[in-house]
C-alpha atoms as a PDB file:
ATOM      1  CA  UNK A   1      -3.402   2.639   1.840  1.00  0.00           C
ATOM      2  CA  UNK A   2      -3.010   1.488   5.624  1.00  0.00           C
ATOM      3  CA  UNK A   3      -3.240  -1.843   6.060  1.00  0.00           C
ATOM      4  CA  UNK A   4      -3.714  -4.333   9.072  1.00  0.00           C
ATOM      5  CA  UNK A   5      -1.388  -7.271   9.141  1.00  0.00           C
ATOM      6  CA  UNK A   6      -3.330  -8.709  12.347  1.00  0.00           C
ATOM      7  CA  UNK A   7      -5.933  -9.867  10.202  1.00  0.00           C
ATOM      8  CA  UNK A   8      -3.517 -12.620   9.255  1.00  0.00           C
ATOM      9  CA  UNK A   9      -2.497 -13.334  13.033  1.00  0.00           C
ATOM     10  CA  UNK A  10       0.354 -10.922  12.959  1.00  0.00           C
ATOM     11  CA  UNK A  11       0.400  -8.879  15.974  1.00  0.00           C
ATOM     12  CA  UNK A  12       1.865  -5.535  14.729  1.00  0.00           C
ATOM     13  CA  UNK A  13       1.192  -2.036  14.466  1.00  0.00           C
ATOM     14  CA  UNK A  14      -0.875  -0.779  11.498  1.00  0.00           C
ATOM     15  CA  UNK A  15       0.697   0.789   8.717  1.00  0.00           C
ATOM     16  CA  UNK A  16       0.660   0.526   5.007  1.00  0.00           C
ATOM     17  CA  UNK A  17       1.743  -2.934   4.238  1.00  0.00           C
ATOM     18  CA  UNK A  18       0.573  -5.927   1.940  1.00  0.00           C
ATOM     19  CA  UNK A  19      -0.441  -9.310   3.402  1.00  0.00           C
ATOM     20  CA  UNK A  20       1.924 -12.575   3.541  1.00  0.00           C
ATOM     21  CA  UNK A  21      -0.010 -14.054   0.757  1.00  0.00           C
ATOM     22  CA  UNK A  22       2.762 -13.692  -1.456  1.00  0.00           C
ATOM     23  CA  UNK A  23       4.941 -16.111   0.239  1.00  0.00           C
ATOM     24  CA  UNK A  24       2.144 -18.696   0.695  1.00  0.00           C
ATOM     25  CA  UNK A  25       2.949 -20.489  -2.476  1.00  0.00           C
ATOM     26  CA  UNK A  26       6.187 -21.651  -3.681  1.00  0.00           C
ATOM     27  CA  UNK A  27       8.341 -18.579  -4.838  1.00  0.00           C
ATOM     28  CA  UNK A  28       9.701 -18.080  -8.320  1.00  0.00           C
ATOM     29  CA  UNK A  29      12.490 -16.097  -9.094  1.00  0.00           C
ATOM     30  CA  UNK A  30      10.629 -13.667 -11.165  1.00  0.00           C
ATOM     31  CA  UNK A  31       8.250 -12.851  -8.285  1.00  0.00           C
ATOM     32  CA  UNK A  32      11.065 -11.770  -5.951  1.00  0.00           C
ATOM     33  CA  UNK A  33      11.437  -7.918  -7.183  1.00  0.00           C
ATOM     34  CA  UNK A  34       7.664  -7.666  -7.225  1.00  0.00           C
ATOM     35  CA  UNK A  35       7.173  -9.130  -3.637  1.00  0.00           C
ATOM     36  CA  UNK A  36      10.118  -8.634  -1.516  1.00  0.00           C
ATOM     37  CA  UNK A  37       9.817  -4.972  -0.904  1.00  0.00           C
ATOM     38  CA  UNK A  38       6.156  -5.590   0.651  1.00  0.00           C
ATOM     39  CA  UNK A  39       7.382  -8.704   2.175  1.00  0.00           C
ATOM     40  CA  UNK A  40      10.055  -6.975   4.152  1.00  0.00           C
ATOM     41  CA  UNK A  41       7.522  -4.196   5.016  1.00  0.00           C
ATOM     42  CA  UNK A  42       5.322  -6.820   6.625  1.00  0.00           C
ATOM     43  CA  UNK A  43       8.208  -8.389   8.628  1.00  0.00           C
ATOM     44  CA  UNK A  44       9.019  -4.905   9.661  1.00  0.00           C
ATOM     45  CA  UNK A  45       5.349  -4.327  11.080  1.00  0.00           C
ATOM     46  CA  UNK A  46       5.611  -7.667  12.855  1.00  0.00           C
ATOM     47  CA  UNK A  47       8.612  -6.593  14.615  1.00  0.00           C
ATOM     48  CA  UNK A  48       7.181  -3.168  15.419  1.00  0.00           C
ATOM     49  CA  UNK A  49       4.413  -4.952  17.403  1.00  0.00           C
ATOM     50  CA  UNK A  50       6.859  -6.710  19.444  1.00  0.00           C
ATOM     51  CA  UNK A  51       8.144  -3.485  20.843  1.00  0.00           C
ATOM     52  CA  UNK A  52       6.823  -0.779  22.805  1.00  0.00           C
ATOM     53  CA  UNK A  53       4.827   2.097  21.401  1.00  0.00           C
ATOM     54  CA  UNK A  54       7.551   4.441  22.623  1.00  0.00           C
ATOM     55  CA  UNK A  55      10.091   2.909  20.213  1.00  0.00           C
ATOM     56  CA  UNK A  56       7.688   3.172  17.359  1.00  0.00           C
ATOM     57  CA  UNK A  57       9.530   6.379  15.836  1.00  0.00           C
ATOM     58  CA  UNK A  58      12.785   4.299  15.709  1.00  0.00           C
ATOM     59  CA  UNK A  59      11.208   0.997  14.526  1.00  0.00           C
ATOM     60  CA  UNK A  60       9.336   2.781  11.634  1.00  0.00           C
ATOM     61  CA  UNK A  61      12.284   4.631  10.570  1.00  0.00           C
ATOM     62  CA  UNK A  62      14.600   1.396  10.241  1.00  0.00           C
ATOM     63  CA  UNK A  63      11.769  -0.388   8.488  1.00  0.00           C
ATOM     64  CA  UNK A  64      11.288   2.553   5.874  1.00  0.00           C
ATOM     65  CA  UNK A  65      15.310   2.560   5.381  1.00  0.00           C
ATOM     66  CA  UNK A  66      15.347  -1.134   4.943  1.00  0.00           C
ATOM     67  CA  UNK A  67      12.440  -1.328   2.420  1.00  0.00           C
ATOM     68  CA  UNK A  68      13.692   1.716   0.602  1.00  0.00           C
ATOM     69  CA  UNK A  69      16.969  -0.398   0.013  1.00  0.00           C
ATOM     70  CA  UNK A  70      15.180  -3.215  -1.078  1.00  0.00           C
ATOM     71  CA  UNK A  71      12.986  -1.057  -3.581  1.00  0.00           C
ATOM     72  CA  UNK A  72      15.923   0.572  -5.183  1.00  0.00           C
ATOM     73  CA  UNK A  73      17.662  -3.057  -5.473  1.00  0.00           C
ATOM     74  CA  UNK A  74      14.332  -4.567  -6.894  1.00  0.00           C
ATOM     75  CA  UNK A  75      13.472  -1.559  -9.187  1.00  0.00           C
ATOM     76  CA  UNK A  76      15.276  -2.879 -12.280  1.00  0.00           C
ATOM     77  CA  UNK A  77      12.800  -5.512 -12.823  1.00  0.00           C
ATOM     78  CA  UNK A  78       9.514  -3.130 -12.896  1.00  0.00           C
ATOM     79  CA  UNK A  79      10.638   0.491 -13.239  1.00  0.00           C
ATOM     80  CA  UNK A  80       9.777   0.524 -16.968  1.00  0.00           C
ATOM     81  CA  UNK A  81       6.168  -0.333 -15.907  1.00  0.00           C
ATOM     82  CA  UNK A  82       6.102   2.882 -13.918  1.00  0.00           C
ATOM     83  CA  UNK A  83       6.262   5.056 -17.208  1.00  0.00           C
ATOM     84  CA  UNK A  84       4.028   8.027 -17.136  1.00  0.00           C
ATOM     85  CA  UNK A  85       2.665  10.334 -19.949  1.00  0.00           C
ATOM     86  CA  UNK A  86       0.356  13.443 -19.616  1.00  0.00           C
ATOM     87  CA  UNK A  87      -2.839  11.432 -19.824  1.00  0.00           C
ATOM     88  CA  UNK A  88      -2.171   8.478 -17.177  1.00  0.00           C
ATOM     89  CA  UNK A  89      -0.445  11.293 -14.899  1.00  0.00           C
ATOM     90  CA  UNK A  90      -3.666  13.585 -15.046  1.00  0.00           C
ATOM     91  CA  UNK A  91      -5.813  10.256 -14.671  1.00  0.00           C
ATOM     92  CA  UNK A  92      -3.941   9.271 -11.589  1.00  0.00           C
ATOM     93  CA  UNK A  93      -4.153  12.659 -10.006  1.00  0.00           C
ATOM     94  CA  UNK A  94      -7.942  12.754 -10.590  1.00  0.00           C
ATOM     95  CA  UNK A  95      -8.078   9.299  -9.160  1.00  0.00           C
ATOM     96  CA  UNK A  96      -6.085   9.903  -6.233  1.00  0.00           C
ATOM     97  CA  UNK A  97      -8.399  12.985  -5.419  1.00  0.00           C
ATOM     98  CA  UNK A  98     -11.638  10.805  -5.969  1.00  0.00           C
ATOM     99  CA  UNK A  99      -9.789   8.116  -3.816  1.00  0.00           C
ATOM    100  CA  UNK A 100      -9.448  10.585  -0.779  1.00  0.00           C
ATOM    101  CA  UNK A 101     -12.779  11.752  -0.883  1.00  0.00           C
ATOM    102  CA  UNK A 102     -14.220   8.255  -1.128  1.00  0.00           C
ATOM    103  CA  UNK A 103     -12.097   6.906   1.576  1.00  0.00           C
ATOM    104  CA  UNK A 104     -13.281   9.944   4.156  1.00  0.00           C
ATOM    105  CA  UNK A 105     -16.755   9.476   3.106  1.00  0.00           C
ATOM    106  CA  UNK A 106     -16.803   5.903   3.823  1.00  0.00           C
ATOM    107  CA  UNK A 107     -14.867   6.344   6.977  1.00  0.00           C
ATOM    108  CA  UNK A 108     -17.885   8.650   8.186  1.00  0.00           C
ATOM    109  CA  UNK A 109     -20.324   6.018   7.943  1.00  0.00           C
ATOM    110  CA  UNK A 110     -20.201   3.972  11.064  1.00  0.00           C
ATOM    111  CA  UNK A 111     -19.699   0.313  10.370  1.00  0.00           C
ATOM    112  CA  UNK A 112     -17.528  -2.566  12.100  1.00  0.00           C
ATOM    113  CA  UNK A 113     -14.022  -2.367  11.472  1.00  0.00           C
ATOM    114  CA  UNK A 114     -11.217  -5.050  11.168  1.00  0.00           C
ATOM    115  CA  UNK A 115      -9.351  -3.906  14.374  1.00  0.00           C
ATOM    116  CA  UNK A 116      -7.396  -0.863  14.848  1.00  0.00           C
ATOM    117  CA  UNK A 117      -4.740   1.425  14.079  1.00  0.00           C
ATOM    118  CA  UNK A 118      -1.594   2.613  16.171  1.00  0.00           C
ATOM    119  CA  UNK A 119      -2.896   5.939  16.337  1.00  0.00           C
ATOM    120  CA  UNK A 120       0.666   7.332  17.167  1.00  0.00           C
ATOM    121  CA  UNK A 121       0.435  10.965  17.860  1.00  0.00           C
ATOM    122  CA  UNK A 122       3.871  12.708  17.395  1.00  0.00           C
ATOM    123  CA  UNK A 123       2.834  15.696  18.758  1.00  0.00           C
ATOM    124  CA  UNK A 124       2.274  14.264  22.359  1.00  0.00           C
ATOM    125  CA  UNK A 125       4.645  11.310  22.106  1.00  0.00           C
ATOM    126  CA  UNK A 126       7.802  13.253  20.863  1.00  0.00           C
ATOM    127  CA  UNK A 127       8.811  16.218  22.940  1.00  0.00           C
ATOM    128  CA  UNK A 128      11.968  17.370  20.827  1.00  0.00           C
ATOM    129  CA  UNK A 129      10.644  19.428  17.895  1.00  0.00           C
ATOM    130  CA  UNK A 130      13.420  18.537  15.733  1.00  0.00           C
ATOM    131  CA  UNK A 131      13.146  14.923  16.516  1.00  0.00           C
ATOM    132  CA  UNK A 132       9.657  15.229  16.015  1.00  0.00           C
ATOM    133  CA  UNK A 133       9.890  17.181  12.524  1.00  0.00           C
ATOM    134  CA  UNK A 134      12.327  14.482  11.169  1.00  0.00           C
ATOM    135  CA  UNK A 135       9.919  11.694  12.144  1.00  0.00           C
ATOM    136  CA  UNK A 136       7.180  13.222  10.451  1.00  0.00           C
ATOM    137  CA  UNK A 137       9.201  13.747   7.474  1.00  0.00           C
ATOM    138  CA  UNK A 138       9.993  10.079   7.403  1.00  0.00           C
ATOM    139  CA  UNK A 139       6.437   9.105   8.191  1.00  0.00           C
ATOM    140  CA  UNK A 140       5.347  11.081   5.066  1.00  0.00           C
ATOM    141  CA  UNK A 141       8.153   9.503   3.147  1.00  0.00           C
ATOM    142  CA  UNK A 142       6.919   6.191   3.788  1.00  0.00           C
ATOM    143  CA  UNK A 143       3.019   7.103   3.510  1.00  0.00           C
ATOM    144  CA  UNK A 144       3.236   9.137   0.287  1.00  0.00           C
ATOM    145  CA  UNK A 145       6.258   7.836  -1.396  1.00  0.00           C
ATOM    146  CA  UNK A 146       7.580   4.450  -0.626  1.00  0.00           C
ATOM    147  CA  UNK A 147       4.311   2.789  -0.050  1.00  0.00           C
ATOM    148  CA  UNK A 148       2.597   3.748  -3.091  1.00  0.00           C
ATOM    149  CA  UNK A 149       5.112   1.952  -5.137  1.00  0.00           C
ATOM    150  CA  UNK A 150       5.621  -1.116  -3.105  1.00  0.00           C
ATOM    151  CA  UNK A 151       1.703  -1.797  -2.911  1.00  0.00           C
ATOM    152  CA  UNK A 152       1.045  -0.930  -6.581  1.00  0.00           C
ATOM    153  CA  UNK A 153       4.078  -3.035  -7.891  1.00  0.00           C
ATOM    154  CA  UNK A 154       2.777  -5.924  -5.439  1.00  0.00           C
ATOM    155  CA  UNK A 155      -0.939  -5.570  -5.560  1.00  0.00           C
ATOM    156  CA  UNK A 156      -1.602  -4.272  -8.917  1.00  0.00           C
ATOM    157  CA  UNK A 157       1.750  -4.987 -10.801  1.00  0.00           C
ATOM    158  CA  UNK A 158       1.934  -8.943  -9.442  1.00  0.00           C
ATOM    159  CA  UNK A 159      -1.141  -9.522  -7.583  1.00  0.00           C
ATOM    160  CA  UNK A 160      -3.735  -8.799 -10.558  1.00  0.00           C
ATOM    161  CA  UNK A 161      -1.686 -10.734 -13.076  1.00  0.00           C
ATOM    162  CA  UNK A 162      -1.041 -13.424 -10.862  1.00  0.00           C
ATOM    163  CA  UNK A 163      -4.636 -13.769  -9.842  1.00  0.00           C
ATOM    164  CA  UNK A 164      -5.715 -13.651 -13.676  1.00  0.00           C
ATOM    165  CA  UNK A 165      -3.243 -16.325 -14.615  1.00  0.00           C
ATOM    166  CA  UNK A 166      -4.657 -18.489 -11.778  1.00  0.00           C
ATOM    167  CA  UNK A 167      -8.443 -17.998 -13.225  1.00  0.00           C
ATOM    168  CA  UNK A 168      -7.077 -18.459 -16.863  1.00  0.00           C
ATOM    169  CA  UNK A 169      -3.853 -19.674 -17.246  1.00  0.00           C
ATOM    170  CA  UNK A 170      -1.961 -18.053 -20.116  1.00  0.00           C
ATOM    171  CA  UNK A 171       1.213 -18.855 -22.024  1.00  0.00           C
ATOM    172  CA  UNK A 172       4.547 -17.634 -20.011  1.00  0.00           C
ATOM    173  CA  UNK A 173       2.547 -17.548 -16.707  1.00  0.00           C
ATOM    174  CA  UNK A 174       1.479 -14.195 -15.076  1.00  0.00           C
ATOM    175  CA  UNK A 175       4.445 -12.559 -16.674  1.00  0.00           C
ATOM    176  CA  UNK A 176       2.927 -13.391 -20.003  1.00  0.00           C
ATOM    177  CA  UNK A 177       0.172 -10.640 -19.283  1.00  0.00           C
ATOM    178  CA  UNK A 178       0.688  -7.224 -19.964  1.00  0.00           C
ATOM    179  CA  UNK A 179      -0.030  -4.582 -17.400  1.00  0.00           C
ATOM    180  CA  UNK A 180      -3.523  -3.671 -17.089  1.00  0.00           C
ATOM    181  CA  UNK A 181      -4.688  -6.946 -19.003  1.00  0.00           C
ATOM    182  CA  UNK A 182      -6.072  -8.648 -15.813  1.00  0.00           C
ATOM    183  CA  UNK A 183      -9.277 -10.436 -15.706  1.00  0.00           C
ATOM    184  CA  UNK A 184     -12.208  -8.417 -13.880  1.00  0.00           C
ATOM    185  CA  UNK A 185     -12.718 -11.272 -11.510  1.00  0.00           C
ATOM    186  CA  UNK A 186      -8.981 -10.973 -10.570  1.00  0.00           C
ATOM    187  CA  UNK A 187      -9.689  -7.332  -9.728  1.00  0.00           C
ATOM    188  CA  UNK A 188     -12.501  -8.304  -7.648  1.00  0.00           C
ATOM    189  CA  UNK A 189     -10.572 -10.737  -5.799  1.00  0.00           C
ATOM    190  CA  UNK A 190      -7.391  -8.711  -5.170  1.00  0.00           C
ATOM    191  CA  UNK A 191      -9.529  -5.545  -4.107  1.00  0.00           C
ATOM    192  CA  UNK A 192     -11.432  -7.952  -1.654  1.00  0.00           C
ATOM    193  CA  UNK A 193      -8.115  -9.302   0.122  1.00  0.00           C
ATOM    194  CA  UNK A 194      -6.845  -5.779  -0.176  1.00  0.00           C
ATOM    195  CA  UNK A 195      -9.762  -4.540   1.882  1.00  0.00           C
ATOM    196  CA  UNK A 196      -9.282  -7.122   4.458  1.00  0.00           C
ATOM    197  CA  UNK A 197      -5.818  -6.488   4.977  1.00  0.00           C
ATOM    198  CA  UNK A 198      -6.925  -3.146   6.354  1.00  0.00           C
ATOM    199  CA  UNK A 199      -9.041  -2.106   9.509  1.00  0.00           C
ATOM    200  CA  UNK A 200     -11.449  -0.101   7.050  1.00  0.00           C
ATOM    201  CA  UNK A 201     -12.006  -3.098   4.740  1.00  0.00           C
ATOM    202  CA  UNK A 202     -14.893  -1.507   3.038  1.00  0.00           C
ATOM    203  CA  UNK A 203     -12.828   1.771   2.049  1.00  0.00           C
ATOM    204  CA  UNK A 204     -10.100  -0.330   1.168  1.00  0.00           C
ATOM    205  CA  UNK A 205     -11.791  -2.615  -0.888  1.00  0.00           C
ATOM    206  CA  UNK A 206     -13.572   0.263  -2.721  1.00  0.00           C
ATOM    207  CA  UNK A 207     -10.048   2.042  -3.237  1.00  0.00           C
ATOM    208  CA  UNK A 208      -8.454  -1.176  -4.427  1.00  0.00           C
ATOM    209  CA  UNK A 209     -11.154  -1.854  -7.221  1.00  0.00           C
ATOM    210  CA  UNK A 210     -10.663   1.836  -8.237  1.00  0.00           C
ATOM    211  CA  UNK A 211      -6.926   1.270  -8.722  1.00  0.00           C
ATOM    212  CA  UNK A 212      -7.595  -1.777 -10.790  1.00  0.00           C
ATOM    213  CA  UNK A 213     -10.146  -0.013 -12.875  1.00  0.00           C
ATOM    214  CA  UNK A 214      -7.625   2.977 -13.515  1.00  0.00           C
ATOM    215  CA  UNK A 215      -4.808   0.348 -14.331  1.00  0.00           C
ATOM    216  CA  UNK A 216      -7.121  -1.317 -17.114  1.00  0.00           C
ATOM    217  CA  UNK A 217      -7.934   2.135 -18.526  1.00  0.00           C
ATOM    218  CA  UNK A 218      -4.469   3.515 -18.750  1.00  0.00           C
ATOM    219  CA  UNK A 219      -2.489   0.217 -18.557  1.00  0.00           C
ATOM    220  CA  UNK A 220       0.070   2.346 -16.672  1.00  0.00           C
ATOM    221  CA  UNK A 221       1.147   1.096 -13.214  1.00  0.00           C
ATOM    222  CA  UNK A 222       2.592   4.505 -12.798  1.00  0.00           C
ATOM    223  CA  UNK A 223      -0.862   6.131 -13.049  1.00  0.00           C
ATOM    224  CA  UNK A 224      -1.867   3.936 -10.050  1.00  0.00           C
ATOM    225  CA  UNK A 225       1.424   5.103  -8.244  1.00  0.00           C
ATOM    226  CA  UNK A 226       0.350   8.521  -8.722  1.00  0.00           C
ATOM    227  CA  UNK A 227      -3.066   8.073  -7.639  1.00  0.00           C
ATOM    228  CA  UNK A 228      -2.133   6.178  -4.443  1.00  0.00           C
ATOM    229  CA  UNK A 229       0.396   8.800  -3.631  1.00  0.00           C
ATOM    230  CA  UNK A 230      -2.024  11.412  -3.946  1.00  0.00           C
ATOM    231  CA  UNK A 231      -4.610   9.646  -1.615  1.00  0.00           C
ATOM    232  CA  UNK A 232      -1.865   8.844   0.703  1.00  0.00           C
ATOM    233  CA  UNK A 233      -0.501  12.180   0.789  1.00  0.00           C
ATOM    234  CA  UNK A 234      -3.753  13.665   1.426  1.00  0.00           C
ATOM    235  CA  UNK A 235      -4.934  11.273   4.002  1.00  0.00           C
ATOM    236  CA  UNK A 236      -1.464  12.054   5.759  1.00  0.00           C
ATOM    237  CA  UNK A 237      -2.297  16.039   5.835  1.00  0.00           C
ATOM    238  CA  UNK A 238      -6.214  15.190   7.024  1.00  0.00           C
ATOM    239  CA  UNK A 239      -4.561  13.163   9.903  1.00  0.00           C
ATOM    240  CA  UNK A 240      -2.270  15.912  10.833  1.00  0.00           C
ATOM    241  CA  UNK A 241      -4.503  18.856  10.512  1.00  0.00           C
ATOM    242  CA  UNK A 242      -7.487  17.242  12.003  1.00  0.00           C
ATOM    243  CA  UNK A 243      -5.684  15.010  14.607  1.00  0.00           C
ATOM    244  CA  UNK A 244      -7.451  12.103  13.282  1.00  0.00           C
ATOM    245  CA  UNK A 245      -4.742   9.908  14.601  1.00  0.00           C
ATOM    246  CA  UNK A 246      -7.057   6.900  14.346  1.00  0.00           C
ATOM    247  CA  UNK A 247      -6.434   6.971  10.414  1.00  0.00           C
ATOM    248  CA  UNK A 248      -2.745   7.212  10.907  1.00  0.00           C
END
């Protein structure tokens, strides 16, 4: 979903990002493909925060392009883990529908948030309809296609296994754990950290926990990507049609 890196002392507009936690410990070569796209997205958000709001469309577009290139380059390491079958695809779609309902339901309940979003309204900030349409296309590319991949690869593909290995070391380290074989406590910890990386920390924690449960049940990282993409796409549509820019 949409993260808030300012929670970690980073002044940048809110977007779908992760946290710098992956670069807080010595980086192993095997971690790089799982962490690099997310790390670049975080850096892009930091740079966005140093620019005026009027530059947001250009900055966001450049960030998406850079992260897309990195994701394609890193994909060889984890693309096999995104495999899908009919069952995992169906469960992913169902989880995505539940995810958007849960997210909006939780957000309808007043509770203290951890910061706020950029709330960029392209319909009032971008006068040229062609430029506006192009930006919206890129915005949805990042929101509903790119971010679900890099977030699930980082949080569920890497984070859950890394946390599980910390709780109970296994032979071969985190790579020795099969996708979906994470410890329950690891899902709880990663879900809380994921939630705290969002202004909507409660909705974020619930959503992340659900993704961990989905992964454990399907053993398919691709199912989590489908679910995340479904939720993000529907959230983007909700933002557009309801002018709910605070969720953007």
